Amino acid sequence: MSSNAQYKPVIVLGAGASGLMCAIEAGQRGRDVLVLNNANKPGKKILMSGGGRCNFTNLDVLPENYLSENPHFCRSALSQYTHWDFIGKVLEHGIAYEEREHGQLFCVNSAKDILNMLLDECASVGAEIRNKCDVQQVIPLDTTVKAHPDARYKLHTSHGDFYCDSLVIATGALSIPTMGATGFGYQLAENLQLPVIERRAGLVPFTFTGDVKNLCEHLSGIAIPATITCNGQQFSEALLFTHRGMSGPVVLQISNYWQLGDTISIDLLPSEDLQSQLASSKQQHPKTFLRSLLAEYLPKRLVMALQARCWADYADTPMAEMPDRILQHVAEQIHQWVVKPSGTEGYRTAEVTLGGVSTQVLSSKTMECNQWPGLYFIGEVVDVTGHLGGYNFQWAWSSGFVAGQNV
């Protein structure tokens, strides 16, 4: 080992949720841990998450809340460190939190509470964090000729050379590059001949072209409860129209299951049986205009846009005089509005990255790479992606914990 190179038993690349969690658990076991972070500060994504309140987990975490080429891979980590374990840590630190819809848990005050908790625990176990450290190369060492008796990996970095026995890749993914996201973890995996599942933006707004884009621009700012179906998956949450297309929780959720070229079916009024309502109103309120009836359920601007698209020729026709086929068409359009997104807003606004290092080459019990002893992949760099609602943070906590128990 060269005189200026340093040896650390455990080196973690990345000071995000999973990396900090891993450092804490390894440190608690008495391991000497160094965290190398390419960003200028740790936990940037933690701070911006949940609108600055950090949706740190969910009350109902199941393997079914995750996407992966191997949907069973996440089971072991999630069972070894559950959402209740992390909630216990939050309570232990006296952090105030609140439950919102769909079991989502948020900080009452600030996401800083979660980051400070993690940093305090890192400090308490002696885990060192170095920011602004660019890792240029990772070199697996020849097991027969070692520069250090316990070293399995050598790292060339902007802070000098390091040797370590256990190397944990917690570098995150491609989402939100302004937060310092890079593809380093994928590049490292590929350099080591490890399979990487194709990546794409997830939990991301849809964009459109043509008439639908114009419609969305006109309706920008309107949010309504909706149900969206695509490829056998269905979610019911808020839909938000934007200048570029559609966003809101229901769109982000379904985007994980959408592929370029797919259509989506939107129910703009999932709480009502509109066909029955229209038939009834035609009898009971024969002089009412259809737009007046629908304005009781939907924002007026949306109703007027639907009128222009679906019953423009009958806009000023009383309900009693409207043909049943037109009313049926209107009901179908509102309950099953089929549109084809032209794409998504991409990694710029995506909350997660789908795909990643294949779970085929990792141990689900330890997160260690089968082909490279002492090398671990955790968090978002792995091909495990959660639904919106705290599930991706829980995967970070769970996978970080598991690796920390084994490095």
Protein backbone atom coordinates (compact mmCIF):
# COMPACT_ATOMS: atom_id res chain seq x y z
CA MET A 1 0.00 0.00 0.00
CA SER A 2 1.46 3.36 -1.01
CA SER A 3 2.36 5.72 1.80
CA ASN A 4 -0.35 8.24 1.00
CA ALA A 5 -3.12 5.65 0.54
CA GLN A 6 -5.52 5.01 3.40
CA TYR A 7 -7.12 1.75 4.49
CA LYS A 8 -10.67 1.66 5.83
CA PRO A 9 -12.40 -1.66 6.54
CA VAL A 10 -15.72 -0.36 5.16
CA ILE A 11 -16.20 2.31 2.51
CA VAL A 12 -19.69 3.44 1.49
CA LEU A 13 -20.09 5.37 -1.74
CA GLY A 14 -23.00 7.80 -1.38
CA ALA A 15 -24.37 9.75 1.57
CA GLY A 16 -28.04 9.39 0.76
CA ALA A 17 -30.69 7.46 2.70
CA SER A 18 -29.33 3.96 2.10
CA GLY A 19 -25.67 4.90 2.44
CA LEU A 20 -26.12 6.70 5.76
CA MET A 21 -28.26 3.86 7.09
CA CYS A 22 -25.60 1.33 6.14
CA ALA A 23 -22.86 3.42 7.79
CA ILE A 24 -24.86 3.62 11.01
CA GLU A 25 -25.49 -0.12 11.23
CA ALA A 26 -21.92 -1.05 10.32
CA GLY A 27 -20.58 1.47 12.84
CA GLN A 28 -22.80 0.09 15.57
CA ARG A 29 -21.15 -3.28 14.98
CA GLY A 30 -17.77 -1.69 15.64
CA ARG A 31 -16.73 -1.42 11.99
CA ASP A 32 -14.59 1.55 10.97
CA VAL A 33 -16.64 3.25 8.23
CA LEU A 34 -15.81 5.94 5.69
CA VAL A 35 -18.59 7.47 3.56
CA LEU A 36 -17.47 9.11 0.32
CA ASN A 37 -20.02 11.53 -1.12
CA ASN A 38 -19.67 13.21 -4.53
CA ALA A 39 -22.12 16.01 -3.61
CA ASN A 40 -21.20 19.01 -1.49
CA LYS A 41 -23.61 17.98 1.28
CA PRO A 42 -25.09 14.67 2.49
CA GLY A 43 -28.75 13.71 2.11
CA LYS A 44 -29.78 16.23 -0.52
CA LYS A 45 -32.63 14.06 -1.82
CA ILE A 46 -33.86 13.50 1.74
CA LEU A 47 -34.14 17.25 2.25
CA MET A 48 -36.17 17.90 -0.91
CA SER A 49 -38.44 14.88 -0.59
CA GLY A 50 -42.10 15.15 0.34
CA GLY A 51 -42.12 18.89 -0.31
CA GLY A 52 -39.42 19.32 2.32
CA ARG A 53 -41.25 17.16 4.87
CA CYS A 54 -39.80 13.75 3.88
CA ASN A 55 -42.34 10.96 3.39
CA PHE A 56 -39.97 8.61 5.25
CA THR A 57 -42.05 5.40 5.21
CA ASN A 58 -45.56 3.97 5.01
CA LEU A 59 -47.77 2.16 7.51
CA ASP A 60 -48.50 -0.62 5.03
CA VAL A 61 -45.28 -1.84 3.40
CA LEU A 62 -45.60 -5.02 1.34
CA PRO A 63 -43.45 -6.64 -1.36
CA GLU A 64 -46.37 -5.92 -3.72
CA ASN A 65 -45.52 -2.22 -3.42
CA TYR A 66 -42.29 -2.78 -5.35
CA LEU A 67 -41.31 -3.39 -8.98
CA SER A 68 -38.35 -5.60 -9.90
CA GLU A 69 -37.39 -8.21 -12.42
CA ASN A 70 -37.48 -10.51 -9.36
CA PRO A 71 -40.50 -9.32 -7.35
CA HIS A 72 -39.56 -11.54 -4.39
CA PHE A 73 -36.06 -10.11 -3.95
CA CYS A 74 -37.12 -7.29 -1.62
CA ARG A 75 -38.87 -9.60 0.86
CA SER A 76 -35.82 -10.51 2.93
CA ALA A 77 -34.56 -6.96 3.50
CA LEU A 78 -38.06 -5.61 4.21
CA SER A 79 -38.61 -8.34 6.82
CA GLN A 80 -35.19 -7.89 8.43
CA TYR A 81 -35.76 -4.16 8.92
CA THR A 82 -39.42 -3.17 8.83
CA HIS A 83 -41.18 0.17 8.68
CA TRP A 84 -41.93 -0.26 12.39
CA ASP A 85 -38.18 -0.43 13.06
CA PHE A 86 -37.62 2.89 11.34
CA ILE A 87 -40.66 4.46 13.02
CA GLY A 88 -39.12 3.34 16.33
CA LYS A 89 -35.91 5.16 15.45
CA VAL A 90 -37.87 8.31 14.59
CA LEU A 91 -39.72 8.14 17.91
CA GLU A 92 -36.48 7.51 19.79
CA HIS A 93 -35.14 10.79 18.42
CA GLY A 94 -38.32 12.66 19.35
CA ILE A 95 -39.18 13.58 15.78
CA ALA A 96 -42.79 14.68 15.32
CA TYR A 97 -44.52 12.99 12.38
CA GLU A 98 -48.00 12.73 10.94
CA GLU A 99 -49.97 10.21 8.94
CA ARG A 100 -51.49 11.37 5.67
CA GLU A 101 -53.69 9.52 3.19
CA HIS A 102 -52.73 6.02 2.08
CA GLY A 103 -50.65 5.45 5.23
CA GLN A 104 -47.92 7.91 4.27
CA LEU A 105 -45.80 9.22 7.15
CA PHE A 106 -44.27 12.71 6.96
CA CYS A 107 -42.25 14.88 9.32
CA VAL A 108 -44.38 17.54 10.95
CA ASN A 109 -41.57 20.10 10.89
CA SER A 110 -38.90 19.42 8.30
CA ALA A 111 -37.03 16.71 6.40
CA LYS A 112 -33.97 18.11 8.18
CA ASP A 113 -35.15 16.17 11.24
CA ILE A 114 -34.60 12.86 9.43
CA LEU A 115 -31.24 13.88 7.96
CA ASN A 116 -30.00 15.25 11.28
CA MET A 117 -31.05 12.00 12.98
CA LEU A 118 -28.99 9.99 10.50
CA LEU A 119 -25.98 12.31 10.72
CA ASP A 120 -26.11 12.29 14.53
CA GLU A 121 -26.14 8.50 14.54
CA CYS A 122 -23.26 8.38 12.06
CA ALA A 123 -21.27 10.68 14.33
CA SER A 124 -22.13 8.62 17.42
CA VAL A 125 -20.67 5.46 15.86
CA GLY A 126 -17.65 7.25 14.42
CA ALA A 127 -18.59 6.94 10.75
CA GLU A 128 -16.68 9.60 8.80
CA ILE A 129 -18.35 11.43 5.89
CA ARG A 130 -16.27 13.14 3.21
CA ASN A 131 -18.17 15.37 0.80
CA LYS A 132 -17.05 16.59 -2.63
CA CYS A 133 -15.17 13.34 -3.16
CA ASP A 134 -15.19 12.15 -6.74
CA VAL A 135 -14.48 8.43 -7.12
CA GLN A 136 -12.67 7.95 -10.40
CA GLN A 137 -11.96 4.23 -10.38
CA VAL A 138 -12.66 1.09 -8.36
CA ILE A 139 -10.15 -1.72 -8.75
CA PRO A 140 -10.74 -5.23 -7.36
CA LEU A 141 -7.42 -6.45 -5.92
CA ASP A 142 -5.70 -9.70 -6.69
CA THR A 143 -6.47 -11.92 -3.71
CA THR A 144 -3.01 -13.48 -3.85
CA VAL A 145 -1.02 -10.23 -3.90
CA LYS A 146 -2.47 -7.65 -1.53
CA ALA A 147 -1.31 -4.15 -0.77
CA HIS A 148 -2.98 -4.58 2.61
CA PRO A 149 -3.77 -7.89 4.34
CA ASP A 150 -7.51 -7.18 4.43
CA ALA A 151 -7.94 -5.06 1.32
CA ARG A 152 -10.16 -6.34 -1.48
CA TYR A 153 -10.76 -3.07 -3.33
CA LYS A 154 -8.72 -0.02 -4.24
CA LEU A 155 -10.34 3.33 -5.00
CA HIS A 156 -8.82 6.24 -6.91
CA THR A 157 -10.57 9.42 -5.74
CA SER A 158 -10.16 13.18 -5.74
CA HIS A 159 -9.20 12.79 -2.05
CA GLY A 160 -6.45 10.30 -2.81
CA ASP A 161 -6.34 6.51 -2.90
CA PHE A 162 -8.22 4.26 -0.49
CA TYR A 163 -8.24 0.54 0.21
CA CYS A 164 -11.12 -1.33 1.80
CA ASP A 165 -12.34 -4.80 2.63
CA SER A 166 -16.04 -4.06 2.13
CA LEU A 167 -17.28 -1.63 -0.49
CA VAL A 168 -20.93 -0.53 -0.51
CA ILE A 169 -22.40 1.13 -3.59
CA ALA A 170 -25.17 3.49 -2.45
CA THR A 171 -24.74 6.02 -5.23
CA GLY A 172 -28.43 6.32 -6.09
CA ALA A 173 -29.71 6.56 -9.62
CA LEU A 174 -30.32 9.02 -12.46
CA SER A 175 -33.36 10.84 -11.05
CA ILE A 176 -33.13 14.58 -10.39
CA PRO A 177 -29.58 15.24 -11.66
CA THR A 178 -29.58 18.65 -9.96
CA MET A 179 -29.33 16.74 -6.66
CA GLY A 180 -26.04 15.23 -7.82
CA ALA A 181 -27.46 12.03 -9.31
CA THR A 182 -25.05 10.12 -11.53
CA GLY A 183 -24.86 6.76 -13.24
CA PHE A 184 -21.67 5.80 -11.39
CA GLY A 185 -23.14 2.70 -9.73
CA TYR A 186 -24.35 1.35 -13.06
CA GLN A 187 -21.01 2.03 -14.73
CA LEU A 188 -19.17 0.25 -11.95
CA ALA A 189 -21.48 -2.77 -12.23
CA GLU A 190 -20.98 -2.93 -15.99
CA ASN A 191 -17.20 -2.59 -15.62
CA LEU A 192 -17.32 -5.64 -13.34
CA GLN A 193 -19.39 -7.55 -15.93
CA LEU A 194 -22.55 -7.45 -13.79
CA PRO A 195 -25.95 -7.29 -15.54
CA VAL A 196 -27.83 -4.02 -15.30
CA ILE A 197 -31.55 -3.90 -16.08
CA GLU A 198 -32.53 -1.15 -18.54
CA ARG A 199 -33.17 2.12 -16.75
CA ARG A 200 -35.97 4.62 -17.27
CA ALA A 201 -37.59 7.43 -15.34
CA GLY A 202 -40.22 6.38 -12.80
CA LEU A 203 -42.80 8.19 -10.67
CA VAL A 204 -42.78 10.89 -13.32
CA PRO A 205 -45.35 13.20 -15.01
CA PHE A 206 -46.65 12.44 -18.52
CA THR A 207 -46.24 14.74 -21.50
CA PHE A 208 -48.51 14.94 -24.55
CA THR A 209 -48.60 16.42 -28.03
CA GLY A 210 -51.40 17.78 -30.21
CA ASP A 211 -54.96 18.25 -28.95
CA VAL A 212 -54.37 16.57 -25.58
CA LYS A 213 -51.39 18.84 -24.84
CA ASN A 214 -53.50 21.89 -25.74
CA LEU A 215 -56.29 20.63 -23.50
CA CYS A 216 -53.90 20.06 -20.59
CA GLU A 217 -52.44 23.54 -21.03
CA HIS A 218 -55.95 25.00 -20.92
CA LEU A 219 -56.76 23.02 -17.76
CA SER A 220 -53.38 23.65 -16.10
CA GLY A 221 -53.67 23.89 -12.33
CA ILE A 222 -56.87 21.85 -12.03
CA ALA A 223 -56.64 18.81 -9.72
CA ILE A 224 -59.35 16.15 -9.37
CA PRO A 225 -59.66 12.65 -7.89
CA ALA A 226 -59.20 10.13 -10.70
CA THR A 227 -58.52 6.48 -11.44
CA ILE A 228 -55.96 5.55 -14.10
CA THR A 229 -55.50 2.09 -15.59
CA CYS A 230 -52.56 0.82 -17.67
CA ASN A 231 -51.17 -2.65 -18.37
CA GLY A 232 -53.40 -4.33 -15.80
CA GLN A 233 -52.48 -1.89 -13.02
CA GLN A 234 -54.84 0.68 -11.50
CA PHE A 235 -54.40 3.57 -9.06
CA SER A 236 -56.88 6.05 -7.59
CA GLU A 237 -55.48 9.36 -6.37
CA ALA A 238 -55.30 13.00 -7.42
CA LEU A 239 -54.73 13.95 -11.08
CA LEU A 240 -53.18 17.34 -11.85
CA PHE A 241 -53.29 19.00 -15.26
CA THR A 242 -50.09 20.89 -16.15
CA HIS A 243 -48.76 23.01 -19.02
CA ARG A 244 -46.85 19.98 -20.29
CA GLY A 245 -49.41 17.26 -19.63
CA MET A 246 -50.54 15.42 -16.52
CA SER A 247 -49.06 14.96 -13.08
CA GLY A 248 -50.30 14.31 -9.57
CA PRO A 249 -49.94 11.15 -7.44
CA VAL A 250 -52.15 8.95 -9.67
CA VAL A 251 -50.07 9.78 -12.75
CA LEU A 252 -46.75 9.24 -10.95
CA GLN A 253 -47.96 5.84 -9.69
CA ILE A 254 -49.12 4.55 -13.08
CA SER A 255 -46.01 5.89 -14.85
CA ASN A 256 -44.00 3.00 -13.35
CA TYR A 257 -46.10 0.57 -15.39
CA TRP A 258 -46.36 2.61 -18.59
CA GLN A 259 -44.11 2.03 -21.61
CA LEU A 260 -43.66 4.32 -24.59
CA GLY A 261 -46.51 3.67 -27.04
CA ASP A 262 -48.99 2.52 -24.38
CA THR A 263 -52.35 4.19 -23.85
CA ILE A 264 -53.81 4.95 -20.44
CA SER A 265 -57.48 4.94 -19.47
CA ILE A 266 -58.61 7.72 -17.14
CA ASP A 267 -61.80 7.75 -15.08
CA LEU A 268 -62.42 11.44 -14.33
CA LEU A 269 -65.32 10.68 -12.02
CA PRO A 270 -64.56 7.37 -10.28
CA SER A 271 -66.97 7.95 -7.39
CA GLU A 272 -70.10 8.11 -9.59
CA ASP A 273 -72.03 5.90 -12.01
CA LEU A 274 -72.47 8.66 -14.55
CA GLN A 275 -74.60 6.72 -17.01
CA SER A 276 -77.24 6.10 -14.32
CA GLN A 277 -76.99 9.69 -13.12
CA LEU A 278 -77.56 11.08 -16.61
CA ALA A 279 -80.49 8.77 -17.30
CA SER A 280 -82.06 9.79 -14.00
CA SER A 281 -81.44 13.51 -14.55
CA LYS A 282 -82.96 13.33 -18.01
CA GLN A 283 -86.24 12.26 -16.36
CA GLN A 284 -86.12 14.42 -13.24
CA HIS A 285 -84.51 17.59 -14.64
CA PRO A 286 -85.53 17.65 -18.31
CA LYS A 287 -84.81 21.37 -18.82
CA THR A 288 -81.30 21.26 -17.31
CA PHE A 289 -78.27 21.53 -19.54
CA LEU A 290 -75.73 18.73 -19.30
CA ARG A 291 -72.94 21.14 -18.38
CA SER A 292 -74.93 22.35 -15.38
CA LEU A 293 -75.35 18.81 -14.10
CA LEU A 294 -71.67 17.91 -14.55
CA ALA A 295 -70.55 21.15 -12.89
CA GLU A 296 -71.88 19.65 -9.64
CA TYR A 297 -69.17 17.00 -9.87
CA LEU A 298 -66.29 18.49 -11.85
CA PRO A 299 -64.55 21.90 -12.09
CA LYS A 300 -66.38 24.21 -14.50
CA ARG A 301 -63.31 24.72 -16.71
CA LEU A 302 -63.02 20.96 -17.15
CA VAL A 303 -66.72 20.61 -17.88
CA MET A 304 -66.55 23.27 -20.59
CA ALA A 305 -63.53 21.54 -22.15
CA LEU A 306 -65.39 18.22 -22.12
CA GLN A 307 -68.42 19.89 -23.66
CA ALA A 308 -66.33 21.19 -26.55
CA ARG A 309 -64.94 17.69 -27.14
CA CYS A 310 -67.94 15.45 -26.47
CA TRP A 311 -71.27 17.23 -27.01
CA ALA A 312 -70.54 20.56 -28.71
CA ASP A 313 -73.55 20.14 -31.03
CA TYR A 314 -75.85 19.70 -28.04
CA ALA A 315 -74.29 22.33 -25.77
CA ASP A 316 -77.52 24.33 -25.52
CA THR A 317 -79.90 21.38 -25.76
CA PRO A 318 -81.91 20.55 -22.62
CA MET A 319 -81.30 17.08 -21.16
CA ALA A 320 -84.75 15.86 -22.21
CA GLU A 321 -83.93 16.48 -25.88
CA MET A 322 -80.46 14.91 -25.88
CA PRO A 323 -80.26 11.48 -27.57
CA ASP A 324 -79.45 8.62 -25.21
CA ARG A 325 -76.50 7.64 -27.40
CA ILE A 326 -74.93 11.07 -26.80
CA LEU A 327 -75.39 10.79 -23.05
CA GLN A 328 -73.90 7.32 -23.15
CA HIS A 329 -70.96 8.62 -25.17
CA VAL A 330 -70.38 11.39 -22.62
CA ALA A 331 -70.45 8.91 -19.74
CA GLU A 332 -67.98 6.65 -21.53
CA GLN A 333 -65.63 9.54 -22.28
CA ILE A 334 -65.62 10.69 -18.68
CA HIS A 335 -65.23 7.19 -17.18
CA GLN A 336 -62.91 5.81 -19.85
CA TRP A 337 -60.95 8.64 -21.40
CA VAL A 338 -58.22 6.86 -23.37
CA VAL A 339 -55.13 8.91 -24.20
CA LYS A 340 -51.59 8.10 -25.35
CA PRO A 341 -48.81 10.02 -23.60
CA SER A 342 -46.03 11.07 -25.96
CA GLY A 343 -43.51 10.56 -23.19
CA THR A 344 -42.60 11.64 -19.67
CA GLU A 345 -40.75 14.61 -18.21
CA GLY A 346 -37.77 12.28 -17.79
CA TYR A 347 -35.11 12.19 -15.10
CA ARG A 348 -35.33 15.95 -14.58
CA THR A 349 -38.45 15.55 -12.44
CA ALA A 350 -38.64 11.76 -11.94
CA GLU A 351 -38.67 10.76 -8.29
CA VAL A 352 -37.04 7.38 -8.96
CA THR A 353 -35.23 5.37 -11.62
CA LEU A 354 -36.69 2.04 -12.70
CA GLY A 355 -34.28 -0.80 -13.41
CA GLY A 356 -30.72 -0.94 -12.14
CA VAL A 357 -28.22 -3.56 -10.98
CA SER A 358 -29.84 -6.95 -11.49
CA THR A 359 -30.96 -8.71 -8.35
CA GLN A 360 -29.82 -11.99 -9.94
CA VAL A 361 -26.25 -11.25 -8.89
CA LEU A 362 -27.04 -10.08 -5.35
CA SER A 363 -27.87 -11.93 -2.15
CA SER A 364 -31.31 -10.90 -0.96
CA LYS A 365 -30.23 -11.63 2.63
CA THR A 366 -27.05 -9.52 2.65
CA MET A 367 -27.08 -7.36 -0.54
CA GLU A 368 -23.58 -8.71 -1.29
CA CYS A 369 -22.60 -9.42 -4.88
CA ASN A 370 -22.27 -13.14 -5.57
CA GLN A 371 -19.33 -12.75 -7.98
CA TRP A 372 -17.42 -10.11 -6.01
CA PRO A 373 -17.04 -10.85 -2.28
CA GLY A 374 -17.12 -7.71 -0.17
CA LEU A 375 -19.02 -5.68 -2.79
CA TYR A 376 -22.57 -4.58 -1.90
CA PHE A 377 -25.25 -2.68 -3.82
CA ILE A 378 -28.09 -0.97 -1.91
CA GLY A 379 -30.87 1.55 -2.38
CA GLU A 380 -32.01 2.94 -5.70
CA VAL A 381 -29.04 1.67 -7.73
CA VAL A 382 -30.56 -1.83 -7.39
CA ASP A 383 -33.42 -3.05 -9.60
CA VAL A 384 -36.02 -2.49 -6.87
CA THR A 385 -38.43 0.44 -7.22
CA GLY A 386 -41.25 1.30 -4.85
CA HIS A 387 -44.61 2.95 -5.36
CA LEU A 388 -45.11 6.57 -4.37
CA GLY A 389 -45.75 7.00 -0.66
CA GLY A 390 -42.60 6.33 1.37
CA TYR A 391 -41.83 2.92 -0.10
CA ASN A 392 -38.55 3.92 -1.74
CA PHE A 393 -37.25 5.37 1.50
CA GLN A 394 -38.20 2.16 3.28
CA TRP A 395 -36.24 0.18 0.69
CA ALA A 396 -33.27 2.48 1.38
CA TRP A 397 -33.53 1.90 5.15
CA SER A 398 -34.03 -1.86 4.80
CA SER A 399 -31.33 -2.53 2.19
CA GLY A 400 -28.91 -0.21 4.01
CA PHE A 401 -29.56 -1.98 7.29
CA VAL A 402 -29.01 -5.44 5.78
CA ALA A 403 -25.71 -4.46 4.16
CA GLY A 404 -24.61 -2.75 7.37
CA GLN A 405 -25.18 -5.97 9.26
CA ASN A 406 -22.92 -7.90 6.90
CA VAL A 407 -20.04 -5.68 5.77
